[in-house]
Amino acid sequence: MDVRKGVLLVIKNKDNKYLLLQHTRDEKWGFVSGGIELDDIDDIATVIRESEEEVGFMPERDKIHDLGITMEFETPKYKGEYKWYEYSADGDLDLHLQHPEEIKTVGWFSEGEVLEIIKDKPLLVETFKKYVTIES
């Protein structure tokens, strides 16, 4: 089975709220994420591309931090390995949904709200809790 490598970006604002996006295909919420493409020069390039594609925001390269967390998962079609990154926004972000056929909406949520919203994704919950522990 193929291994799909990708990235996941946790974007946190100055109010300590986290950006989640709701996908149109299944109505489920998640973080900015996606697979590494051949044109991406490194993982940070993937992070920037995915953020721009999904929410219309290009984070500055030097403000993206590798969290040292890799989330491994398996679907019926492939295995995945997603490295986690963080971007802390100093001010308001100007977000624009680039692909409304894929992303229904976005929102800012507290840590508790994030855990409630993603509770049906146990691996995501577990990995987010690791992130919160590292961040503290």
N, C-alpha and C. Protein backbone atom coordinates (compact mmCIF):
# COMPACT_ATOMS: atom_id res chain seq x y z
N MET A 1 0.84 -1.17 0.00
CA MET A 1 0.00 0.00 0.00
C MET A 1 0.90 1.25 0.00
N ASP A 2 0.54 2.22 -0.84
CA ASP A 2 1.31 3.46 -0.93
C ASP A 2 1.22 4.27 0.35
N VAL A 3 2.29 5.02 0.63
CA VAL A 3 2.29 5.95 1.76
C VAL A 3 2.19 7.36 1.20
N ARG A 4 1.16 8.07 1.59
CA ARG A 4 0.96 9.45 1.16
C ARG A 4 1.52 10.36 2.25
N LYS A 5 2.53 11.16 1.88
CA LYS A 5 3.12 12.08 2.83
C LYS A 5 2.48 13.45 2.66
N GLY A 6 2.27 14.09 3.80
CA GLY A 6 1.63 15.39 3.75
C GLY A 6 1.94 16.23 4.96
N VAL A 7 1.25 17.33 5.05
CA VAL A 7 1.45 18.28 6.15
C VAL A 7 0.11 18.69 6.72
N LEU A 8 0.14 19.13 7.95
CA LEU A 8 -1.03 19.70 8.61
C LEU A 8 -0.56 20.97 9.30
N LEU A 9 -1.31 22.05 9.12
CA LEU A 9 -0.93 23.33 9.69
C LEU A 9 -1.95 23.76 10.74
N VAL A 10 -1.46 23.94 11.96
CA VAL A 10 -2.28 24.51 13.03
C VAL A 10 -2.04 26.01 12.99
N ILE A 11 -3.10 26.77 12.69
CA ILE A 11 -3.01 28.23 12.69
C ILE A 11 -3.71 28.73 13.95
N LYS A 12 -2.96 29.48 14.75
CA LYS A 12 -3.49 30.01 16.01
C LYS A 12 -3.45 31.53 15.96
N ASN A 13 -4.54 32.17 16.41
CA ASN A 13 -4.55 33.63 16.38
C ASN A 13 -4.14 34.22 17.73
N LYS A 14 -4.12 35.53 17.80
CA LYS A 14 -3.65 36.23 19.00
C LYS A 14 -4.58 36.00 20.20
N ASP A 15 -5.81 35.54 19.96
CA ASP A 15 -6.76 35.24 21.03
C ASP A 15 -6.71 33.78 21.46
N ASN A 16 -5.65 33.07 21.02
CA ASN A 16 -5.48 31.64 21.32
C ASN A 16 -6.63 30.79 20.80
N LYS A 17 -7.12 31.15 19.64
CA LYS A 17 -8.13 30.34 18.96
C LYS A 17 -7.50 29.73 17.73
N TYR A 18 -8.04 28.58 17.33
CA TYR A 18 -7.47 27.78 16.26
C TYR A 18 -8.40 27.81 15.04
N LEU A 19 -7.79 27.89 13.87
CA LEU A 19 -8.55 27.90 12.62
C LEU A 19 -8.89 26.47 12.21
N LEU A 20 -10.17 26.23 12.01
CA LEU A 20 -10.65 24.96 11.46
C LEU A 20 -11.42 25.27 10.18
N LEU A 21 -11.42 24.30 9.26
CA LEU A 21 -12.20 24.44 8.06
C LEU A 21 -13.13 23.26 7.91
N GLN A 22 -14.30 23.52 7.37
CA GLN A 22 -15.29 22.48 7.18
C GLN A 22 -15.31 22.08 5.71
N HIS A 23 -15.11 20.79 5.47
CA HIS A 23 -15.07 20.26 4.11
C HIS A 23 -16.49 20.02 3.60
N THR A 24 -16.70 20.29 2.33
CA THR A 24 -18.02 20.09 1.74
C THR A 24 -18.35 18.61 1.54
N ARG A 25 -17.33 17.79 1.27
CA ARG A 25 -17.60 16.38 0.92
C ARG A 25 -18.23 15.59 2.06
N ASP A 26 -17.85 15.89 3.31
CA ASP A 26 -18.39 15.11 4.42
C ASP A 26 -18.86 15.98 5.59
N GLU A 27 -18.80 17.31 5.42
CA GLU A 27 -19.21 18.26 6.45
C GLU A 27 -18.32 18.23 7.69
N LYS A 28 -17.23 17.46 7.66
CA LYS A 28 -16.35 17.36 8.83
C LYS A 28 -15.35 18.51 8.86
N TRP A 29 -14.93 18.84 10.07
CA TRP A 29 -13.99 19.92 10.31
C TRP A 29 -12.58 19.37 10.45
N GLY A 30 -11.62 20.19 10.07
CA GLY A 30 -10.21 19.81 10.23
C GLY A 30 -9.33 21.03 10.07
N PHE A 31 -8.04 20.79 10.14
CA PHE A 31 -7.05 21.85 9.98
C PHE A 31 -6.64 21.95 8.51
N VAL A 32 -5.95 23.01 8.16
CA VAL A 32 -5.36 23.12 6.84
C VAL A 32 -4.40 21.94 6.68
N SER A 33 -4.55 21.20 5.60
CA SER A 33 -3.68 20.02 5.41
C SER A 33 -3.73 19.58 3.96
N GLY A 34 -2.75 18.76 3.61
CA GLY A 34 -2.74 18.21 2.26
C GLY A 34 -1.45 17.50 1.95
N GLY A 35 -1.46 16.83 0.83
CA GLY A 35 -0.32 16.02 0.42
C GLY A 35 0.79 16.81 -0.23
N ILE A 36 1.98 16.28 -0.10
CA ILE A 36 3.16 16.88 -0.73
C ILE A 36 3.11 16.58 -2.23
N GLU A 37 3.35 17.61 -3.03
CA GLU A 37 3.36 17.45 -4.49
C GLU A 37 4.78 17.55 -5.02
N LEU A 38 5.00 17.01 -6.19
CA LEU A 38 6.35 16.97 -6.78
C LEU A 38 6.97 18.35 -6.92
N ASP A 39 6.17 19.37 -7.17
CA ASP A 39 6.69 20.73 -7.34
C ASP A 39 7.07 21.41 -6.04
N ASP A 40 6.65 20.85 -4.90
CA ASP A 40 6.96 21.45 -3.61
C ASP A 40 8.44 21.21 -3.29
N ILE A 41 9.18 22.29 -3.03
CA ILE A 41 10.63 22.15 -2.80
C ILE A 41 10.94 21.56 -1.42
N ASP A 42 10.00 21.72 -0.48
CA ASP A 42 10.16 21.13 0.85
C ASP A 42 8.79 21.15 1.54
N ASP A 43 8.75 20.64 2.79
CA ASP A 43 7.48 20.58 3.51
C ASP A 43 6.88 21.96 3.76
N ILE A 44 7.73 22.95 4.02
CA ILE A 44 7.22 24.30 4.28
C ILE A 44 6.54 24.84 3.03
N ALA A 45 7.07 24.53 1.86
CA ALA A 45 6.42 24.95 0.61
C ALA A 45 5.04 24.31 0.50
N THR A 46 4.92 23.07 0.95
CA THR A 46 3.61 22.40 0.95
C THR A 46 2.66 23.10 1.90
N VAL A 47 3.15 23.45 3.09
CA VAL A 47 2.32 24.15 4.07
C VAL A 47 1.79 25.46 3.47
N ILE A 48 2.67 26.23 2.87
CA ILE A 48 2.28 27.52 2.28
C ILE A 48 1.27 27.31 1.16
N ARG A 49 1.53 26.35 0.27
CA ARG A 49 0.63 26.09 -0.85
C ARG A 49 -0.75 25.66 -0.36
N GLU A 50 -0.78 24.73 0.58
CA GLU A 50 -2.07 24.24 1.08
C GLU A 50 -2.86 25.35 1.77
N SER A 51 -2.18 26.19 2.56
CA SER A 51 -2.86 27.29 3.22
C SER A 51 -3.44 28.26 2.19
N GLU A 52 -2.65 28.57 1.17
CA GLU A 52 -3.14 29.46 0.12
C GLU A 52 -4.31 28.83 -0.64
N GLU A 53 -4.20 27.55 -0.97
CA GLU A 53 -5.27 26.87 -1.71
C GLU A 53 -6.56 26.78 -0.90
N GLU A 54 -6.44 26.48 0.38
CA GLU A 54 -7.63 26.20 1.17
C GLU A 54 -8.28 27.44 1.78
N VAL A 55 -7.48 28.39 2.26
CA VAL A 55 -8.07 29.55 2.93
C VAL A 55 -7.57 30.89 2.39
N GLY A 56 -6.78 30.86 1.31
CA GLY A 56 -6.34 32.09 0.68
C GLY A 56 -5.33 32.89 1.47
N PHE A 57 -4.63 32.25 2.37
CA PHE A 57 -3.65 32.93 3.20
C PHE A 57 -2.28 32.31 3.01
N MET A 58 -1.27 33.16 2.76
CA MET A 58 0.10 32.69 2.60
C MET A 58 0.91 33.03 3.85
N PRO A 59 1.12 32.06 4.73
CA PRO A 59 1.92 32.34 5.93
C PRO A 59 3.38 32.60 5.56
N GLU A 60 4.03 33.47 6.34
CA GLU A 60 5.44 33.74 6.10
C GLU A 60 6.26 32.51 6.47
N ARG A 61 7.16 32.13 5.59
CA ARG A 61 7.99 30.93 5.76
C ARG A 61 8.68 30.90 7.13
N ASP A 62 9.26 32.03 7.56
CA ASP A 62 10.04 32.03 8.79
C ASP A 62 9.18 32.01 10.06
N LYS A 63 7.85 32.07 9.90
CA LYS A 63 6.96 31.98 11.06
C LYS A 63 6.25 30.63 11.16
N ILE A 64 6.62 29.72 10.27
CA ILE A 64 6.05 28.37 10.30
C ILE A 64 7.00 27.48 11.08
N HIS A 65 6.48 26.82 12.11
CA HIS A 65 7.34 26.02 12.99
C HIS A 65 6.99 24.54 12.91
N ASP A 66 8.02 23.73 12.71
CA ASP A 66 7.88 22.27 12.72
C ASP A 66 7.64 21.84 14.16
N LEU A 67 6.56 21.14 14.41
CA LEU A 67 6.22 20.73 15.77
C LEU A 67 6.87 19.40 16.17
N GLY A 68 7.51 18.74 15.22
CA GLY A 68 8.13 17.46 15.54
C GLY A 68 7.11 16.35 15.78
N ILE A 69 5.92 16.53 15.25
CA ILE A 69 4.84 15.54 15.40
C ILE A 69 4.50 14.99 14.02
N THR A 70 4.42 13.69 13.90
CA THR A 70 3.94 13.06 12.67
C THR A 70 2.72 12.21 13.02
N MET A 71 1.65 12.42 12.31
CA MET A 71 0.42 11.65 12.50
C MET A 71 0.35 10.59 11.41
N GLU A 72 0.37 9.35 11.82
CA GLU A 72 0.28 8.24 10.86
C GLU A 72 -1.13 7.68 10.90
N PHE A 73 -1.67 7.40 9.71
CA PHE A 73 -3.04 6.89 9.63
C PHE A 73 -3.18 5.99 8.41
N GLU A 74 -4.30 5.30 8.33
CA GLU A 74 -4.55 4.41 7.20
C GLU A 74 -6.00 4.55 6.77
N THR A 75 -6.19 4.63 5.45
CA THR A 75 -7.53 4.65 4.86
C THR A 75 -7.65 3.38 4.02
N PRO A 76 -8.83 3.11 3.50
CA PRO A 76 -8.95 1.94 2.62
C PRO A 76 -8.05 2.03 1.38
N LYS A 77 -7.68 3.26 0.97
CA LYS A 77 -6.92 3.46 -0.26
C LYS A 77 -5.42 3.62 -0.04
N TYR A 78 -5.00 4.16 1.10
CA TYR A 78 -3.58 4.45 1.31
C TYR A 78 -3.25 4.62 2.78
N LYS A 79 -1.94 4.59 3.07
CA LYS A 79 -1.44 4.97 4.38
C LYS A 79 -0.98 6.41 4.28
N GLY A 80 -1.07 7.13 5.38
CA GLY A 80 -0.66 8.52 5.37
C GLY A 80 0.29 8.84 6.50
N GLU A 81 1.16 9.79 6.25
CA GLU A 81 2.07 10.34 7.26
C GLU A 81 2.04 11.85 7.10
N TYR A 82 1.43 12.53 8.04
CA TYR A 82 1.33 13.99 7.98
C TYR A 82 2.15 14.61 9.09
N LYS A 83 3.09 15.47 8.70
CA LYS A 83 3.89 16.22 9.66
C LYS A 83 3.12 17.47 10.07
N TRP A 84 3.16 17.78 11.36
CA TRP A 84 2.42 18.92 11.89
C TRP A 84 3.31 20.16 11.99
N TYR A 85 2.73 21.29 11.61
CA TYR A 85 3.40 22.59 11.67
C TYR A 85 2.46 23.58 12.36
N GLU A 86 3.04 24.68 12.82
CA GLU A 86 2.25 25.71 13.51
C GLU A 86 2.58 27.08 12.94
N TYR A 87 1.55 27.91 12.87
CA TYR A 87 1.72 29.31 12.52
C TYR A 87 0.93 30.12 13.55
N SER A 88 1.59 31.02 14.25
CA SER A 88 0.92 31.91 15.21
C SER A 88 0.76 33.28 14.57
N ALA A 89 -0.48 33.68 14.39
CA ALA A 89 -0.78 34.97 13.75
C ALA A 89 -0.67 36.10 14.76
N ASP A 90 0.03 37.16 14.35
CA ASP A 90 0.17 38.33 15.21
C ASP A 90 -1.07 39.22 15.18
N GLY A 91 -1.76 39.21 14.07
CA GLY A 91 -2.94 40.06 13.90
C GLY A 91 -4.04 39.30 13.19
N ASP A 92 -5.00 40.03 12.68
CA ASP A 92 -6.10 39.41 11.95
C ASP A 92 -5.61 38.87 10.61
N LEU A 93 -6.15 37.75 10.21
CA LEU A 93 -5.79 37.16 8.91
C LEU A 93 -6.91 37.43 7.93
N ASP A 94 -6.55 37.78 6.72
CA ASP A 94 -7.52 38.01 5.66
C ASP A 94 -7.70 36.69 4.91
N LEU A 95 -8.74 35.96 5.28
CA LEU A 95 -8.97 34.63 4.72
C LEU A 95 -9.99 34.70 3.59
N HIS A 96 -9.74 33.94 2.54
CA HIS A 96 -10.65 33.85 1.39
C HIS A 96 -10.72 32.40 0.96
N LEU A 97 -11.91 31.84 0.95
CA LEU A 97 -12.06 30.46 0.48
C LEU A 97 -11.79 30.42 -1.01
N GLN A 98 -10.77 29.70 -1.38
CA GLN A 98 -10.36 29.61 -2.79
C GLN A 98 -11.16 28.57 -3.56
N HIS A 99 -11.61 27.54 -2.85
CA HIS A 99 -12.33 26.44 -3.51
C HIS A 99 -13.59 26.10 -2.72
N PRO A 100 -14.65 26.91 -2.88
CA PRO A 100 -15.88 26.66 -2.11
C PRO A 100 -16.52 25.31 -2.42
N GLU A 101 -16.10 24.70 -3.52
CA GLU A 101 -16.62 23.35 -3.80
C GLU A 101 -15.95 22.30 -2.90
N GLU A 102 -14.84 22.66 -2.26
CA GLU A 102 -14.14 21.75 -1.35
C GLU A 102 -14.25 22.17 0.12
N ILE A 103 -14.16 23.48 0.36
CA ILE A 103 -14.20 24.00 1.72
C ILE A 103 -15.48 24.81 1.89
N LYS A 104 -16.34 24.38 2.80
CA LYS A 104 -17.63 25.03 3.00
C LYS A 104 -17.49 26.34 3.79
N THR A 105 -16.74 26.28 4.88
CA THR A 105 -16.58 27.46 5.72
C THR A 105 -15.36 27.28 6.62
N VAL A 106 -14.98 28.36 7.30
CA VAL A 106 -13.88 28.32 8.27
C VAL A 106 -14.36 29.01 9.54
N GLY A 107 -13.67 28.72 10.64
CA GLY A 107 -14.00 29.38 11.89
C GLY A 107 -12.85 29.29 12.87
N TRP A 108 -12.88 30.18 13.86
CA TRP A 108 -11.89 30.22 14.93
C TRP A 108 -12.51 29.63 16.18
N PHE A 109 -11.78 28.70 16.82
CA PHE A 109 -12.33 27.98 17.96
C PHE A 109 -11.31 27.85 19.09
N SER A 110 -11.82 27.84 20.32
CA SER A 110 -10.95 27.62 21.48
C SER A 110 -10.49 26.16 21.50
N GLU A 111 -9.51 25.88 22.34
CA GLU A 111 -9.00 24.51 22.46
C GLU A 111 -10.14 23.53 22.78
N GLY A 112 -10.97 23.89 23.74
CA GLY A 112 -12.09 23.01 24.12
C GLY A 112 -13.07 22.80 22.98
N GLU A 113 -13.35 23.88 22.25
CA GLU A 113 -14.27 23.77 21.11
C GLU A 113 -13.67 22.89 20.02
N VAL A 114 -12.36 23.03 19.77
CA VAL A 114 -11.70 22.19 18.77
C VAL A 114 -11.87 20.72 19.15
N LEU A 115 -11.58 20.40 20.40
CA LEU A 115 -11.69 19.00 20.85
C LEU A 115 -13.10 18.47 20.69
N GLU A 116 -14.09 19.30 20.95
CA GLU A 116 -15.49 18.88 20.78
C GLU A 116 -15.82 18.68 19.30
N ILE A 117 -15.38 19.60 18.45
CA ILE A 117 -15.69 19.55 17.02
C ILE A 117 -15.05 18.34 16.34
N ILE A 118 -13.82 17.98 16.75
CA ILE A 118 -13.11 16.88 16.07
C ILE A 118 -13.23 15.56 16.82
N LYS A 119 -14.13 15.48 17.80
CA LYS A 119 -14.22 14.30 18.67
C LYS A 119 -14.47 12.99 17.91
N ASP A 120 -15.03 13.08 16.72
CA ASP A 120 -15.30 11.87 15.93
C ASP A 120 -14.07 11.41 15.14
N LYS A 121 -12.93 12.09 15.35
CA LYS A 121 -11.68 11.73 14.70
C LYS A 121 -10.64 11.46 15.79
N PRO A 122 -10.67 10.27 16.40
CA PRO A 122 -9.82 9.99 17.56
C PRO A 122 -8.33 10.24 17.35
N LEU A 123 -7.81 9.91 16.19
CA LEU A 123 -6.38 10.13 15.93
C LEU A 123 -6.06 11.62 15.89
N LEU A 124 -6.95 12.41 15.30
CA LEU A 124 -6.75 13.85 15.25
C LEU A 124 -6.82 14.44 16.66
N VAL A 125 -7.76 13.96 17.47
CA VAL A 125 -7.87 14.41 18.86
C VAL A 125 -6.58 14.10 19.62
N GLU A 126 -6.12 12.87 19.51
CA GLU A 126 -4.89 12.44 20.20
C GLU A 126 -3.70 13.30 19.79
N THR A 127 -3.56 13.54 18.50
CA THR A 127 -2.42 14.31 18.00
C THR A 127 -2.55 15.79 18.39
N PHE A 128 -3.77 16.32 18.36
CA PHE A 128 -3.97 17.72 18.78
C PHE A 128 -3.61 17.87 20.26
N LYS A 129 -3.95 16.90 21.07
CA LYS A 129 -3.60 16.95 22.49
C LYS A 129 -2.08 16.93 22.68
N LYS A 130 -1.36 16.18 21.84
CA LYS A 130 0.11 16.20 21.88
C LYS A 130 0.60 17.61 21.57
N TYR A 131 0.02 18.22 20.55
CA TYR A 131 0.39 19.58 20.16
C TYR A 131 0.18 20.54 21.33
N VAL A 132 -0.99 20.47 21.96
CA VAL A 132 -1.29 21.38 23.06
C VAL A 132 -0.30 21.19 24.20
N THR A 133 0.12 19.96 24.46
CA THR A 133 1.11 19.68 25.49
C THR A 133 2.45 20.30 25.15
N ILE A 134 2.87 20.19 23.90
CA ILE A 134 4.15 20.77 23.45
C ILE A 134 4.08 22.29 23.55
N GLU A 135 2.94 22.84 23.18
CA GLU A 135 2.77 24.29 23.14
C GLU A 135 2.82 24.91 24.54
N SER A 136 2.35 24.18 25.54
CA SER A 136 2.28 24.73 26.90
C SER A 136 3.63 24.91 27.54
